[in-house]
Amino acid sequence: MKNFILSASLLATTILFANTNEKIDQTVISKKQKIAISQSTDKTVYFWEVNTTTGSASGYALSEAQALKTIKLMGTSDLVTYRIIEAYK
């Protein structure tokens, strides 16, 4: 009986904490920031944004292959719902 009560309370606690939906603050790189970053280098800068079912991320890389690789890594354990890559010279 003691094991049943402990198992039931553990299950109830797990379900209670598993359903918390916290809102993640989304930080997107603005157009001004993209221009400033691209002017700081001679190479083409690739800015990427990706949205998944659990969150979103954005960043930049110095090659399109690196940007695609990063997006692919973001979607390894989650479903990608939106992705974009922009190139700035």
Protein backbone atom coordinates (compact mmCIF):
# COMPACT_ATOMS: atom_id res chain seq x y z
CA MET A 1 0.00 0.00 0.00
CA LYS A 2 2.86 2.34 0.86
CA ASN A 3 4.48 1.76 -2.56
CA PHE A 4 1.19 2.48 -4.32
CA ILE A 5 0.75 5.82 -2.52
CA LEU A 6 4.36 6.83 -3.27
CA SER A 7 4.00 5.83 -6.93
CA ALA A 8 0.71 7.72 -7.28
CA SER A 9 2.13 10.88 -5.71
CA LEU A 10 5.21 10.67 -7.93
CA LEU A 11 3.03 10.28 -11.02
CA ALA A 12 0.78 13.19 -9.99
CA THR A 13 3.79 15.44 -9.35
CA THR A 14 5.35 14.53 -12.69
CA ILE A 15 2.15 15.31 -14.59
CA LEU A 16 1.67 18.56 -12.69
CA PHE A 17 5.16 19.88 -13.51
CA ALA A 18 5.24 18.49 -17.07
CA ASN A 19 2.33 20.65 -18.18
CA THR A 20 3.84 24.02 -17.33
CA ASN A 21 3.97 26.21 -20.42
CA GLU A 22 6.41 28.99 -19.84
CA LYS A 23 6.63 31.80 -22.32
CA ILE A 24 10.13 32.24 -23.68
CA ASP A 25 11.22 35.75 -24.54
CA GLN A 26 11.98 35.90 -28.23
CA THR A 27 15.03 37.93 -29.25
CA VAL A 28 15.17 38.52 -32.97
CA ILE A 29 18.05 40.30 -34.67
CA SER A 30 16.73 43.60 -36.03
CA LYS A 31 17.38 44.92 -39.53
CA LYS A 32 19.74 47.60 -38.13
CA GLN A 33 21.73 45.00 -36.21
CA LYS A 34 21.98 42.81 -39.32
CA ILE A 35 23.37 45.71 -41.34
CA ALA A 36 25.85 46.65 -38.59
CA ILE A 37 27.08 43.04 -38.28
CA SER A 38 27.42 42.64 -42.05
CA GLN A 39 29.41 45.90 -42.31
CA SER A 40 31.91 44.64 -39.75
CA THR A 41 33.23 41.93 -42.12
CA ASP A 42 34.16 41.64 -45.79
CA LYS A 43 32.46 38.25 -46.14
CA THR A 44 28.78 37.54 -46.77
CA VAL A 45 26.90 37.04 -43.50
CA TYR A 46 24.00 34.58 -43.38
CA PHE A 47 21.35 35.33 -40.77
CA TRP A 48 19.08 32.46 -39.81
CA GLU A 49 15.87 32.19 -37.84
CA VAL A 50 14.13 28.99 -36.84
CA ASN A 51 10.88 28.31 -34.99
CA THR A 52 10.11 24.94 -33.49
CA THR A 53 7.11 23.68 -31.60
CA THR A 54 8.84 24.48 -28.28
CA GLY A 55 10.65 27.74 -29.04
CA SER A 56 12.62 29.86 -31.46
CA ALA A 57 16.18 30.93 -32.11
CA SER A 58 18.12 33.21 -34.41
CA GLY A 59 21.73 33.94 -35.19
CA TYR A 60 24.23 34.32 -37.97
CA ALA A 61 27.02 32.43 -39.71
CA LEU A 62 29.69 33.21 -42.27
CA SER A 63 28.59 30.49 -44.69
CA GLU A 64 25.27 29.15 -45.85
CA ALA A 65 26.40 25.62 -45.00
CA GLN A 66 27.01 26.62 -41.37
CA ALA A 67 23.58 28.28 -41.18
CA LEU A 68 21.87 25.19 -42.60
CA LYS A 69 23.80 22.94 -40.22
CA THR A 70 22.69 25.03 -37.24
CA ILE A 71 19.06 24.91 -38.36
CA LYS A 72 19.34 21.15 -38.80
CA LEU A 73 20.73 20.82 -35.26
CA MET A 74 17.81 22.85 -33.90
CA GLY A 75 15.36 20.40 -35.40
CA THR A 76 16.99 17.14 -34.30
CA SER A 77 14.71 16.71 -31.28
CA ASP A 78 11.85 18.97 -32.31
CA LEU A 79 9.57 19.77 -35.24
CA VAL A 80 10.70 22.85 -37.20
CA THR A 81 7.71 25.01 -38.13
CA TYR A 82 9.53 27.95 -39.74
CA ARG A 83 13.03 28.69 -40.98
CA ILE A 84 14.66 31.43 -43.01
CA ILE A 85 18.16 32.35 -44.12
CA GLU A 86 19.00 35.87 -45.35
CA ALA A 87 22.33 36.86 -46.88
CA TYR A 88 23.84 40.32 -46.31
CA LYS A 89 27.00 41.58 -48.03
